PDB file of N, CA and C in Angstrom:
ATOM      1  N   MET A   1       0.916  -1.019  -0.030  1.00  0.00           N
ATOM      2  CA  MET A   1       0.079  -0.017  -0.060  1.00  0.00           C
ATOM      3  C   MET A   1       0.781   1.219  -0.248  1.00  0.00           C
ATOM      4  N   LEU A   2       0.271   2.307  -0.726  1.00  0.00           N
ATOM      5  CA  LEU A   2       1.306   3.729  -0.676  1.00  0.00           C
ATOM      6  C   LEU A   2       1.042   4.302   0.475  1.00  0.00           C
ATOM      7  N   LYS A   3       2.262   5.192   0.981  1.00  0.00           N
ATOM      8  CA  LYS A   3       1.914   5.782   1.975  1.00  0.00           C
ATOM      9  C   LYS A   3       0.689   6.767   1.900  1.00  0.00           C
ATOM     10  N   THR A   4      -0.143   6.558   2.778  1.00  0.00           N
ATOM     11  CA  THR A   4      -1.456   7.155   2.887  1.00  0.00           C
ATOM     12  C   THR A   4      -1.852   7.782   4.254  1.00  0.00           C
ATOM     13  N   SER A   5      -2.343   8.940   4.327  1.00  0.00           N
ATOM     14  CA  SER A   5      -2.549   9.883   5.422  1.00  0.00           C
ATOM     15  C   SER A   5      -3.517   9.119   6.287  1.00  0.00           C
ATOM     16  N   PRO A   6      -3.373   9.388   7.615  1.00  0.00           N
ATOM     17  CA  PRO A   6      -4.433   9.009   8.444  1.00  0.00           C
ATOM     18  C   PRO A   6      -6.125   9.361   8.352  1.00  0.00           C
ATOM     19  N   ALA A   7      -6.199  10.425   7.496  1.00  0.00           N
ATOM     20  CA  ALA A   7      -7.620  10.863   7.173  1.00  0.00           C
ATOM     21  C   ALA A   7      -7.938   9.618   5.992  1.00  0.00           C
ATOM     22  N   ALA A   8      -6.949   9.303   4.971  1.00  0.00           N
ATOM     23  CA  ALA A   8      -7.322   8.812   3.905  1.00  0.00           C
ATOM     24  C   ALA A   8      -7.603   7.254   4.556  1.00  0.00           C
ATOM     25  N   LEU A   9      -6.650   6.847   5.403  1.00  0.00           N
ATOM     26  CA  LEU A   9      -6.817   5.433   5.911  1.00  0.00           C
ATOM     27  C   LEU A   9      -8.190   5.218   6.793  1.00  0.00           C
ATOM     28  N   GLY A  10      -8.681   6.200   7.400  1.00  0.00           N
ATOM     29  CA  GLY A  10      -9.858   6.585   8.127  1.00  0.00           C
ATOM     30  C   GLY A  10     -11.093   6.081   7.152  1.00  0.00           C
ATOM     31  N   GLN A  11     -10.947   6.634   6.043  1.00  0.00           N
ATOM     32  CA  GLN A  11     -12.073   6.612   5.233  1.00  0.00           C
ATOM     33  C   GLN A  11     -11.952   5.138   4.372  1.00  0.00           C
ATOM     34  N   ILE A  12     -10.769   4.552   4.243  1.00  0.00           N
ATOM     35  CA  ILE A  12     -10.744   3.270   3.948  1.00  0.00           C
ATOM     36  C   ILE A  12     -11.364   2.092   4.888  1.00  0.00           C
ATOM     37  N   ALA A  13     -10.958   2.616   6.304  1.00  0.00           N
ATOM     38  CA  ALA A  13     -11.569   1.937   7.382  1.00  0.00           C
ATOM     39  C   ALA A  13     -13.175   1.863   7.413  1.00  0.00           C
ATOM     40  N   ASP A  14     -13.586   3.042   7.046  1.00  0.00           N
ATOM     41  CA  ASP A  14     -15.094   3.364   7.225  1.00  0.00           C
ATOM     42  C   ASP A  14     -15.590   2.473   6.196  1.00  0.00           C
ATOM     43  N   TYR A  15     -15.178   2.485   4.940  1.00  0.00           N
ATOM     44  CA  TYR A  15     -15.565   1.695   4.013  1.00  0.00           C
ATOM     45  C   TYR A  15     -15.775   0.246   4.207  1.00  0.00           C
ATOM     46  N   PHE A  16     -14.617  -0.338   4.889  1.00  0.00           N
ATOM     47  CA  PHE A  16     -14.653  -1.853   5.194  1.00  0.00           C
ATOM     48  C   PHE A  16     -15.818  -2.123   6.361  1.00  0.00           C
ATOM     49  N   LYS A  17     -15.956  -1.106   7.193  1.00  0.00           N
ATOM     50  CA  LYS A  17     -16.972  -1.163   8.364  1.00  0.00           C
ATOM     51  C   LYS A  17     -18.209  -1.416   7.716  1.00  0.00           C
ATOM     52  N   VAL A  18     -18.608  -0.822   6.747  1.00  0.00           N
ATOM     53  CA  VAL A  18     -20.058  -0.729   6.076  1.00  0.00           C
ATOM     54  C   VAL A  18     -20.086  -2.563   5.549  1.00  0.00           C
ATOM     55  N   LEU A  19     -18.806  -2.939   4.835  1.00  0.00           N
ATOM     56  CA  LEU A  19     -18.937  -4.335   4.221  1.00  0.00           C
ATOM     57  C   LEU A  19     -18.779  -5.397   5.435  1.00  0.00           C
ATOM     58  N   SER A  20     -18.620  -4.833   6.527  1.00  0.00           N
ATOM     59  CA  SER A  20     -18.193  -5.963   7.793  1.00  0.00           C
ATOM     60  C   SER A  20     -19.764  -6.545   8.285  1.00  0.00           C
ATOM     61  N   GLU A  21     -20.913  -6.190   7.788  1.00  0.00           N
ATOM     62  CA  GLU A  21     -21.840  -6.503   8.501  1.00  0.00           C
ATOM     63  C   GLU A  21     -22.707  -7.477   7.310  1.00  0.00           C
ATOM     64  N   ILE A  22     -23.178  -8.915   7.783  1.00  0.00           N
ATOM     65  CA  ILE A  22     -23.646  -9.807   7.258  1.00  0.00           C
ATOM     66  C   ILE A  22     -24.788  -9.556   6.456  1.00  0.00           C
ATOM     67  N   SER A  23     -25.940  -8.774   6.902  1.00  0.00           N
ATOM     68  CA  SER A  23     -27.163  -8.381   6.475  1.00  0.00           C
ATOM     69  C   SER A  23     -26.848  -7.339   5.272  1.00  0.00           C
ATOM     70  N   ARG A  24     -25.773  -6.380   5.498  1.00  0.00           N
ATOM     71  CA  ARG A  24     -25.569  -5.523   4.430  1.00  0.00           C
ATOM     72  C   ARG A  24     -24.981  -6.197   3.124  1.00  0.00           C
ATOM     73  N   LEU A  25     -24.083  -7.435   3.439  1.00  0.00           N
ATOM     74  CA  LEU A  25     -23.499  -8.096   2.402  1.00  0.00           C
ATOM     75  C   LEU A  25     -24.702  -9.117   1.542  1.00  0.00           C
ATOM     76  N   GLN A  26     -25.685  -9.470   2.409  1.00  0.00           N
ATOM     77  CA  GLN A  26     -26.637 -10.261   1.690  1.00  0.00           C
ATOM     78  C   GLN A  26     -27.569  -9.323   0.912  1.00  0.00           C
ATOM     79  N   VAL A  27     -27.647  -7.975   1.151  1.00  0.00           N
ATOM     80  CA  VAL A  27     -28.264  -7.097   0.257  1.00  0.00           C
ATOM     81  C   VAL A  27     -27.638  -6.709  -0.923  1.00  0.00           C
ATOM     82  N   LEU A  28     -26.278  -6.531  -0.786  1.00  0.00           N
ATOM     83  CA  LEU A  28     -25.373  -6.518  -2.001  1.00  0.00           C
ATOM     84  C   LEU A  28     -25.570  -7.756  -2.825  1.00  0.00           C
ATOM     85  N   CYS A  29     -25.462  -8.912  -2.364  1.00  0.00           N
ATOM     86  CA  CYS A  29     -25.582 -10.195  -3.059  1.00  0.00           C
ATOM     87  C   CYS A  29     -26.995 -10.167  -3.907  1.00  0.00           C
ATOM     88  N   SER A  30     -27.891  -9.651  -3.277  1.00  0.00           N
ATOM     89  CA  SER A  30     -29.421  -9.464  -3.873  1.00  0.00           C
ATOM     90  C   SER A  30     -29.175  -8.705  -5.138  1.00  0.00           C
ATOM     91  N   LEU A  31     -28.506  -7.533  -4.927  1.00  0.00           N
ATOM     92  CA  LEU A  31     -28.309  -6.566  -6.040  1.00  0.00           C
ATOM     93  C   LEU A  31     -27.334  -6.749  -7.058  1.00  0.00           C
ATOM     94  N   LYS A  32     -26.831  -8.011  -6.849  1.00  0.00           N
ATOM     95  CA  LYS A  32     -25.661  -8.248  -7.988  1.00  0.00           C
ATOM     96  C   LYS A  32     -26.312  -8.630  -9.265  1.00  0.00           C
ATOM     97  N   SER A  33     -27.433  -9.015  -9.115  1.00  0.00           N
ATOM     98  CA  SER A  33     -28.137  -9.656 -10.557  1.00  0.00           C
ATOM     99  C   SER A  33     -28.697  -8.454 -11.273  1.00  0.00           C
ATOM    100  N   GLY A  34     -28.765  -7.064 -10.418  1.00  0.00           N
ATOM    101  CA  GLY A  34     -29.558  -5.951 -10.954  1.00  0.00           C
ATOM    102  C   GLY A  34     -30.149  -5.203  -9.969  1.00  0.00           C
ATOM    103  N   SER A  35     -30.865  -4.015 -10.561  1.00  0.00           N
ATOM    104  CA  SER A  35     -31.669  -3.141  -9.547  1.00  0.00           C
ATOM    105  C   SER A  35     -32.638  -4.025  -9.164  1.00  0.00           C
ATOM    106  N   LYS A  36     -33.173  -3.542  -7.832  1.00  0.00           N
ATOM    107  CA  LYS A  36     -34.403  -4.363  -7.220  1.00  0.00           C
ATOM    108  C   LYS A  36     -34.933  -3.066  -6.375  1.00  0.00           C
ATOM    109  N   ASN A  37     -36.362  -3.190  -5.889  1.00  0.00           N
ATOM    110  CA  ASN A  37     -36.749  -2.644  -4.803  1.00  0.00           C
ATOM    111  C   ASN A  37     -36.801  -3.093  -3.476  1.00  0.00           C
ATOM    112  N   VAL A  38     -37.222  -2.332  -2.590  1.00  0.00           N
ATOM    113  CA  VAL A  38     -37.007  -3.180  -1.254  1.00  0.00           C
ATOM    114  C   VAL A  38     -37.975  -4.308  -1.004  1.00  0.00           C
ATOM    115  N   THR A  39     -39.068  -4.619  -1.456  1.00  0.00           N
ATOM    116  CA  THR A  39     -39.770  -5.571  -1.560  1.00  0.00           C
ATOM    117  C   THR A  39     -39.056  -7.062  -2.002  1.00  0.00           C
ATOM    118  N   GLU A  40     -38.482  -6.581  -3.254  1.00  0.00           N
ATOM    119  CA  GLU A  40     -37.618  -7.714  -4.098  1.00  0.00           C
ATOM    120  C   GLU A  40     -36.462  -8.087  -3.126  1.00  0.00           C
ATOM    121  N   ILE A  41     -35.780  -7.167  -2.539  1.00  0.00           N
ATOM    122  CA  ILE A  41     -34.727  -7.486  -1.792  1.00  0.00           C
ATOM    123  C   ILE A  41     -35.028  -8.356  -0.583  1.00  0.00           C
ATOM    124  N   ILE A  42     -36.055  -7.651  -0.021  1.00  0.00           N
ATOM    125  CA  ILE A  42     -36.658  -8.533   1.324  1.00  0.00           C
ATOM    126  C   ILE A  42     -36.817 -10.003   0.930  1.00  0.00           C
ATOM    127  N   GLU A  43     -37.528 -10.318  -0.487  1.00  0.00           N
ATOM    128  CA  GLU A  43     -38.022 -11.541  -0.722  1.00  0.00           C
ATOM    129  C   GLU A  43     -36.581 -12.461  -0.938  1.00  0.00           C
ATOM    130  N   THR A  44     -35.466 -11.776  -1.640  1.00  0.00           N
ATOM    131  CA  THR A  44     -34.348 -12.617  -1.803  1.00  0.00           C
ATOM    132  C   THR A  44     -33.342 -12.781  -0.707  1.00  0.00           C
ATOM    133  N   THR A  45     -33.548 -11.683   0.334  1.00  0.00           N
ATOM    134  CA  THR A  45     -32.584 -11.834   1.665  1.00  0.00           C
ATOM    135  C   THR A  45     -33.237 -12.658   2.653  1.00  0.00           C
ATOM    136  N   GLY A  46     -34.654 -12.465   2.838  1.00  0.00           N
ATOM    137  CA  GLY A  46     -35.412 -13.064   3.921  1.00  0.00           C
ATOM    138  C   GLY A  46     -35.232 -12.118   5.048  1.00  0.00           C
ATOM    139  N   LEU A  47     -34.761 -10.998   4.822  1.00  0.00           N
ATOM    140  CA  LEU A  47     -34.549  -9.868   6.169  1.00  0.00           C
ATOM    141  C   LEU A  47     -35.877  -9.218   6.292  1.00  0.00           C
ATOM    142  N   GLY A  48     -36.084  -8.671   7.153  1.00  0.00           N
ATOM    143  CA  GLY A  48     -37.402  -7.758   7.392  1.00  0.00           C
ATOM    144  C   GLY A  48     -37.268  -6.362   7.035  1.00  0.00           C
ATOM    145  N   GLN A  49     -38.444  -5.757   6.481  1.00  0.00           N
ATOM    146  CA  GLN A  49     -38.373  -4.513   5.885  1.00  0.00           C
ATOM    147  C   GLN A  49     -37.316  -3.493   6.824  1.00  0.00           C
ATOM    148  N   ALA A  50     -37.744  -3.266   7.866  1.00  0.00           N
ATOM    149  CA  ALA A  50     -36.840  -2.232   8.623  1.00  0.00           C
ATOM    150  C   ALA A  50     -35.546  -2.321   8.489  1.00  0.00           C
ATOM    151  N   ASN A  51     -35.022  -3.950   8.722  1.00  0.00           N
ATOM    152  CA  ASN A  51     -33.744  -4.185   8.594  1.00  0.00           C
ATOM    153  C   ASN A  51     -32.908  -3.786   7.092  1.00  0.00           C
ATOM    154  N   VAL A  52     -33.806  -4.158   6.016  1.00  0.00           N
ATOM    155  CA  VAL A  52     -33.248  -3.935   4.783  1.00  0.00           C
ATOM    156  C   VAL A  52     -33.293  -2.370   4.519  1.00  0.00           C
ATOM    157  N   SER A  53     -34.281  -1.648   4.989  1.00  0.00           N
ATOM    158  CA  SER A  53     -34.268   0.029   4.744  1.00  0.00           C
ATOM    159  C   SER A  53     -33.010   0.548   5.482  1.00  0.00           C
ATOM    160  N   LYS A  54     -32.816  -0.137   6.690  1.00  0.00           N
ATOM    161  CA  LYS A  54     -31.807   0.579   7.443  1.00  0.00           C
ATOM    162  C   LYS A  54     -30.248   0.380   6.885  1.00  0.00           C
ATOM    163  N   HIS A  55     -30.445  -0.958   6.319  1.00  0.00           N
ATOM    164  CA  HIS A  55     -29.081  -1.289   5.644  1.00  0.00           C
ATOM    165  C   HIS A  55     -28.634  -0.584   4.389  1.00  0.00           C
ATOM    166  N   LEU A  56     -30.148  -0.340   3.682  1.00  0.00           N
ATOM    167  CA  LEU A  56     -29.729   0.347   2.335  1.00  0.00           C
ATOM    168  C   LEU A  56     -29.339   1.987   2.603  1.00  0.00           C
ATOM    169  N   LYS A  57     -30.053   2.577   3.855  1.00  0.00           N
ATOM    170  CA  LYS A  57     -29.516   3.663   3.846  1.00  0.00           C
ATOM    171  C   LYS A  57     -28.111   3.721   4.066  1.00  0.00           C
ATOM    172  N   ILE A  58     -27.351   2.960   4.680  1.00  0.00           N
ATOM    173  CA  ILE A  58     -25.911   2.872   5.076  1.00  0.00           C
ATOM    174  C   ILE A  58     -25.432   2.632   3.975  1.00  0.00           C
ATOM    175  N   LEU A  59     -25.746   1.652   3.105  1.00  0.00           N
ATOM    176  CA  LEU A  59     -25.109   1.494   1.740  1.00  0.00           C
ATOM    177  C   LEU A  59     -25.107   2.505   0.810  1.00  0.00           C
ATOM    178  N   THR A  60     -26.255   3.317   0.900  1.00  0.00           N
ATOM    179  CA  THR A  60     -26.466   4.595   0.017  1.00  0.00           C
ATOM    180  C   THR A  60     -25.674   5.821   0.435  1.00  0.00           C
ATOM    181  N   GLN A  61     -25.489   5.798   1.817  1.00  0.00           N
ATOM    182  CA  GLN A  61     -24.815   7.113   2.385  1.00  0.00           C
ATOM    183  C   GLN A  61     -23.001   6.690   2.183  1.00  0.00           C
ATOM    184  N   ALA A  62     -22.678   5.476   2.108  1.00  0.00           N
ATOM    185  CA  ALA A  62     -21.479   5.062   1.947  1.00  0.00           C
ATOM    186  C   ALA A  62     -21.016   5.323   0.277  1.00  0.00           C
ATOM    187  N   GLY A  63     -22.021   5.307  -0.586  1.00  0.00           N
ATOM    188  CA  GLY A  63     -21.770   5.528  -1.865  1.00  0.00           C
ATOM    189  C   GLY A  63     -21.727   4.136  -2.832  1.00  0.00           C
ATOM    190  N   ILE A  64     -22.217   3.134  -2.140  1.00  0.00           N
ATOM    191  CA  ILE A  64     -21.858   1.683  -2.532  1.00  0.00           C
ATOM    192  C   ILE A  64     -23.097   1.508  -3.391  1.00  0.00           C
ATOM    193  N   VAL A  65     -24.312   1.942  -3.235  1.00  0.00           N
ATOM    194  CA  VAL A  65     -25.695   1.718  -3.709  1.00  0.00           C
ATOM    195  C   VAL A  65     -26.145   3.002  -4.030  1.00  0.00           C
ATOM    196  N   LYS A  66     -27.205   3.172  -5.156  1.00  0.00           N
ATOM    197  CA  LYS A  66     -27.779   4.355  -5.250  1.00  0.00           C
ATOM    198  C   LYS A  66     -29.256   4.107  -5.483  1.00  0.00           C
ATOM    199  N   ARG A  67     -29.896   5.336  -5.239  1.00  0.00           N
ATOM    200  CA  ARG A  67     -31.546   5.166  -5.236  1.00  0.00           C
ATOM    201  C   ARG A  67     -31.988   5.623  -6.617  1.00  0.00           C
ATOM    202  N   GLN A  68     -33.032   5.082  -7.238  1.00  0.00           N
ATOM    203  CA  GLN A  68     -33.349   5.275  -8.537  1.00  0.00           C
ATOM    204  C   GLN A  68     -35.002   5.151  -8.350  1.00  0.00           C
ATOM    205  N   PRO A  69     -35.769   6.453  -8.127  1.00  0.00           N
ATOM    206  CA  PRO A  69     -37.179   6.554  -8.333  1.00  0.00           C
ATOM    207  C   PRO A  69     -37.636   6.171  -9.611  1.00  0.00           C
ATOM    208  N   GLN A  70     -38.649   5.249  -9.473  1.00  0.00           N
ATOM    209  CA  GLN A  70     -39.179   4.954 -10.798  1.00  0.00           C
ATOM    210  C   GLN A  70     -40.779   4.700 -10.390  1.00  0.00           C
ATOM    211  N   GLY A  71     -41.553   5.884 -10.639  1.00  0.00           N
ATOM    212  CA  GLY A  71     -42.991   5.767 -10.311  1.00  0.00           C
ATOM    213  C   GLY A  71     -43.048   5.990  -8.922  1.00  0.00           C
ATOM    214  N   VAL A  72     -43.889   5.056  -8.267  1.00  0.00           N
ATOM    215  CA  VAL A  72     -44.127   4.911  -6.857  1.00  0.00           C
ATOM    216  C   VAL A  72     -43.014   4.325  -6.191  1.00  0.00           C
ATOM    217  N   SER A  73     -42.244   3.266  -6.856  1.00  0.00           N
ATOM    218  CA  SER A  73     -41.289   2.555  -6.149  1.00  0.00           C
ATOM    219  C   SER A  73     -39.795   3.240  -6.324  1.00  0.00           C
ATOM    220  N   VAL A  74     -38.959   2.885  -5.381  1.00  0.00           N
ATOM    221  CA  VAL A  74     -37.531   3.191  -5.337  1.00  0.00           C
ATOM    222  C   VAL A  74     -36.789   1.950  -5.572  1.00  0.00           C
ATOM    223  N   TYR A  75     -35.920   1.969  -6.770  1.00  0.00           N
ATOM    224  CA  TYR A  75     -35.089   0.844  -6.945  1.00  0.00           C
ATOM    225  C   TYR A  75     -33.633   1.216  -6.533  1.00  0.00           C
ATOM    226  N   TYR A  76     -32.917   0.007  -5.875  1.00  0.00           N
ATOM    227  CA  TYR A  76     -31.653   0.218  -5.725  1.00  0.00           C
ATOM    228  C   TYR A  76     -30.717  -0.554  -6.642  1.00  0.00           C
ATOM    229  N   GLU A  77     -29.687   0.100  -6.760  1.00  0.00           N
ATOM    230  CA  GLU A  77     -28.652  -0.608  -7.774  1.00  0.00           C
ATOM    231  C   GLU A  77     -26.981  -0.434  -7.120  1.00  0.00           C
ATOM    232  N   ILE A  78     -26.364  -1.296  -7.564  1.00  0.00           N
ATOM    233  CA  ILE A  78     -24.673  -1.264  -7.104  1.00  0.00           C
ATOM    234  C   ILE A  78     -24.239  -0.074  -8.086  1.00  0.00           C
ATOM    235  N   THR A  79     -23.406   0.881  -7.243  1.00  0.00           N
ATOM    236  CA  THR A  79     -22.916   2.000  -7.931  1.00  0.00           C
ATOM    237  C   THR A  79     -21.655   1.580  -8.862  1.00  0.00           C
ATOM    238  N   ASP A  80     -20.804   0.563  -8.115  1.00  0.00           N
ATOM    239  CA  ASP A  80     -19.714  -0.033  -8.613  1.00  0.00           C
ATOM    240  C   ASP A  80     -19.490  -1.321  -8.544  1.00  0.00           C
ATOM    241  N   PRO A  81     -19.712  -2.102  -9.734  1.00  0.00           N
ATOM    242  CA  PRO A  81     -19.454  -3.523  -9.557  1.00  0.00           C
ATOM    243  C   PRO A  81     -18.131  -4.036  -9.079  1.00  0.00           C
ATOM    244  N   LEU A  82     -17.266  -3.257  -9.081  1.00  0.00           N
ATOM    245  CA  LEU A  82     -15.955  -3.463  -8.252  1.00  0.00           C
ATOM    246  C   LEU A  82     -15.802  -4.328  -7.105  1.00  0.00           C
ATOM    247  N   ILE A  83     -17.200  -3.791  -6.313  1.00  0.00           N
ATOM    248  CA  ILE A  83     -17.652  -4.204  -4.945  1.00  0.00           C
ATOM    249  C   ILE A  83     -17.505  -5.819  -5.217  1.00  0.00           C
ATOM    250  N   PHE A  84     -17.835  -6.391  -6.105  1.00  0.00           N
ATOM    251  CA  PHE A  84     -17.983  -7.905  -5.918  1.00  0.00           C
ATOM    252  C   PHE A  84     -16.430  -8.418  -6.239  1.00  0.00           C
ATOM    253  N   GLU A  85     -15.535  -7.763  -7.137  1.00  0.00           N
ATOM    254  CA  GLU A  85     -14.226  -8.115  -7.284  1.00  0.00           C
ATOM    255  C   GLU A  85     -13.552  -8.142  -5.901  1.00  0.00           C
ATOM    256  N   ILE A  86     -13.827  -7.113  -5.078  1.00  0.00           N
ATOM    257  CA  ILE A  86     -13.373  -7.082  -3.588  1.00  0.00           C
ATOM    258  C   ILE A  86     -13.668  -8.361  -2.902  1.00  0.00           C
ATOM    259  N   CYS A  87     -14.944  -8.624  -3.023  1.00  0.00           N
ATOM    260  CA  CYS A  87     -15.399  -9.664  -2.291  1.00  0.00           C
ATOM    261  C   CYS A  87     -14.959 -11.037  -2.729  1.00  0.00           C
ATOM    262  N   GLU A  88     -14.763 -11.291  -4.028  1.00  0.00           N
ATOM    263  CA  GLU A  88     -14.191 -12.423  -4.610  1.00  0.00           C
ATOM    264  C   GLU A  88     -12.636 -12.683  -4.065  1.00  0.00           C
ATOM    265  N   LEU A  89     -12.106 -11.385  -4.050  1.00  0.00           N
ATOM    266  CA  LEU A  89     -10.567 -11.431  -3.668  1.00  0.00           C
ATOM    267  C   LEU A  89     -10.374 -12.073  -2.086  1.00  0.00           C
ATOM    268  N   VAL A  90     -11.317 -11.487  -1.398  1.00  0.00           N
ATOM    269  CA  VAL A  90     -11.467 -11.936   0.057  1.00  0.00           C
ATOM    270  C   VAL A  90     -11.873 -13.369   0.120  1.00  0.00           C
ATOM    271  N   CYS A  91     -12.729 -13.789  -0.725  1.00  0.00           N
ATOM    272  CA  CYS A  91     -13.248 -15.483  -0.603  1.00  0.00           C
ATOM    273  C   CYS A  91     -12.200 -16.253  -1.197  1.00  0.00           C
ATOM    274  N   ASP A  92     -11.362 -15.821  -2.276  1.00  0.00           N
ATOM    275  CA  ASP A  92     -10.348 -16.746  -2.738  1.00  0.00           C
ATOM    276  C   ASP A  92      -9.412 -16.821  -1.559  1.00  0.00           C
ATOM    277  N   ARG A  93      -8.930 -15.693  -1.052  1.00  0.00           N
ATOM    278  CA  ARG A  93      -7.984 -15.781   0.038  1.00  0.00           C
ATOM    279  C   ARG A  93      -8.193 -16.662   1.288  1.00  0.00           C
ATOM    280  N   LEU A  94      -9.382 -16.452   1.523  1.00  0.00           N
ATOM    281  CA  LEU A  94     -10.130 -17.320   2.651  1.00  0.00           C
ATOM    282  C   LEU A  94     -10.057 -19.020   2.022  1.00  0.00           C
ATOM    283  N   SER A  95     -10.532 -19.065   1.071  1.00  0.00           N
ATOM    284  CA  SER A  95     -10.150 -20.450   0.449  1.00  0.00           C
ATOM    285  C   SER A  95      -9.094 -21.087   0.594  1.00  0.00           C
ATOM    286  N   ILE A  96      -8.183 -20.184   0.271  1.00  0.00           N
ATOM    287  CA  ILE A  96      -6.612 -20.663   0.249  1.00  0.00           C
ATOM    288  C   ILE A  96      -6.259 -21.036   1.841  1.00  0.00           C
ATOM    289  N   ARG A  97      -6.653 -20.008   2.504  1.00  0.00           N
ATOM    290  CA  ARG A  97      -6.337 -20.271   3.971  1.00  0.00           C
ATOM    291  C   ARG A  97      -6.912 -21.523   4.669  1.00  0.00           C
ATOM    292  N   LEU A  98      -8.183 -21.752   4.339  1.00  0.00           N
ATOM    293  CA  LEU A  98      -8.732 -23.089   4.466  1.00  0.00           C
ATOM    294  C   LEU A  98      -8.050 -24.166   4.152  1.00  0.00           C
ATOM    295  N   GLU A  99      -7.683 -24.126   3.021  1.00  0.00           N
ATOM    296  CA  GLU A  99      -7.022 -25.155   2.389  1.00  0.00           C
ATOM    297  C   GLU A  99      -5.581 -25.411   3.093  1.00  0.00           C
ATOM    298  N   GLU A 100      -5.054 -24.573   3.193  1.00  0.00           N
ATOM    299  CA  GLU A 100      -3.754 -24.636   3.917  1.00  0.00           C
ATOM    300  C   GLU A 100      -3.849 -25.239   5.429  1.00  0.00           C
ATOM    301  N   GLN A 101      -5.051 -24.982   5.905  1.00  0.00           N
ATOM    302  CA  GLN A 101      -5.184 -25.477   7.374  1.00  0.00           C
ATOM    303  C   GLN A 101      -5.706 -26.773   7.333  1.00  0.00           C
ATOM    304  N   SER A 102      -6.320 -27.047   6.487  1.00  0.00           N
ATOM    305  CA  SER A 102      -6.806 -28.670   6.027  1.00  0.00           C
ATOM    306  C   SER A 102      -5.415 -29.463   5.945  1.00  0.00           C
ATOM    307  N   GLN A 103      -4.505 -28.823   5.213  1.00  0.00           N
ATOM    308  CA  GLN A 103      -3.387 -29.667   4.788  1.00  0.00           C
ATOM    309  C   GLN A 103      -2.516 -29.814   6.342  1.00  0.00           C
ATOM    310  N   GLN A 104      -2.295 -28.967   6.946  1.00  0.00           N
ATOM    311  CA  GLN A 104      -1.922 -28.953   8.400  1.00  0.00           C
ATOM    312  C   GLN A 104      -2.289 -29.704   9.208  1.00  0.00           C
ATOM    313  N   LEU A 105      -3.624 -29.748   9.117  1.00  0.00           N
ATOM    314  CA  LEU A 105      -4.621 -30.795  10.155  1.00  0.00           C
ATOM    315  C   LEU A 105      -4.184 -32.201   9.507  1.00  0.00           C
ATOM    316  N   LYS A 106      -4.164 -32.588   8.401  1.00  0.00           N
ATOM    317  CA  LYS A 106      -3.996 -33.665   7.786  1.00  0.00           C
ATOM    318  C   LYS A 106      -2.290 -34.200   8.355  1.00  0.00           C
ATOM    319  N   GLN A 107      -1.525 -33.308   8.069  1.00  0.00           N
ATOM    320  CA  GLN A 107      -0.184 -33.818   8.601  1.00  0.00           C
ATOM    321  C   GLN A 107      -0.060 -33.742  10.230  1.00  0.00           C
ATOM    322  N   LEU A 108      -0.789 -33.207  10.871  1.00  0.00           N
ATOM    323  CA  LEU A 108      -0.805 -33.497  12.381  1.00  0.00           C
ATOM    324  C   LEU A 108      -1.513 -34.912  12.796  1.00  0.00           C
ATOM    325  N   GLU A 109      -2.445 -35.126  11.705  1.00  0.00           N
ATOM    326  CA  GLU A 109      -3.109 -36.405  12.057  1.00  0.00           C
ATOM    327  C   GLU A 109      -2.267 -37.900  11.507  1.00  0.00           C
ATOM    328  N   VAL A 110      -1.377 -37.498  10.447  1.00  0.00           N
ATOM    329  CA  VAL A 110      -0.430 -38.428  10.425  1.00  0.00           C
ATOM    330  C   VAL A 110       0.717 -38.764  11.487  1.00  0.00           C
ATOM    331  N   LEU A 111       1.028 -37.346  12.161  1.00  0.00           N
ATOM    332  CA  LEU A 111       2.085 -37.634  13.086  1.00  0.00           C
ATOM    333  C   LEU A 111       1.378 -38.158  14.199  1.00  0.00           C
ATOM    334  N   ARG A 112       0.134 -37.969  14.595  1.00  0.00           N
ATOM    335  CA  ARG A 112      -0.540 -38.678  15.737  1.00  0.00           C
ATOM    336  C   ARG A 112      -0.658 -40.118  15.618  1.00  0.00           C
ATOM    337  N   ASP A 113      -0.867 -40.604  14.432  1.00  0.00           N
ATOM    338  CA  ASP A 113      -1.341 -41.981  14.058  1.00  0.00           C
ATOM    339  C   ASP A 113      -0.089 -42.786  13.753  1.00  0.00           C
ATOM    340  N   ARG A 114       1.091 -42.191  14.046  1.00  0.00           N
ATOM    341  CA  ARG A 114       2.526 -43.199  13.945  1.00  0.00           C
ATOM    342  C   ARG A 114       2.619 -43.832  15.269  1.00  0.00           C
TER     343      ARG A 114
END
């Protein structure tokens, strides 16, 4: 990482804080296939209306999601699909770590069984 000011690092930390909540990640995943209104997000996530609305507000304030009024409904969509690349990088890294841990456990079992 380049030398970054504490203020910039604070913004980066805040961005990751927004992504650190399971329900918000569920909302983001439901929007991966395209824009949805609150009712559709509720149906795909199984979360309650108040919960979805709260998380959409936080995601919108963070600039990760945007609101698009259409008639009497408001549709939400991802502002930058790069968010899913970030999630995939994290998932890939976690998968590698789990595989490494699995290999270490197998080695320990071999030593134990000797």
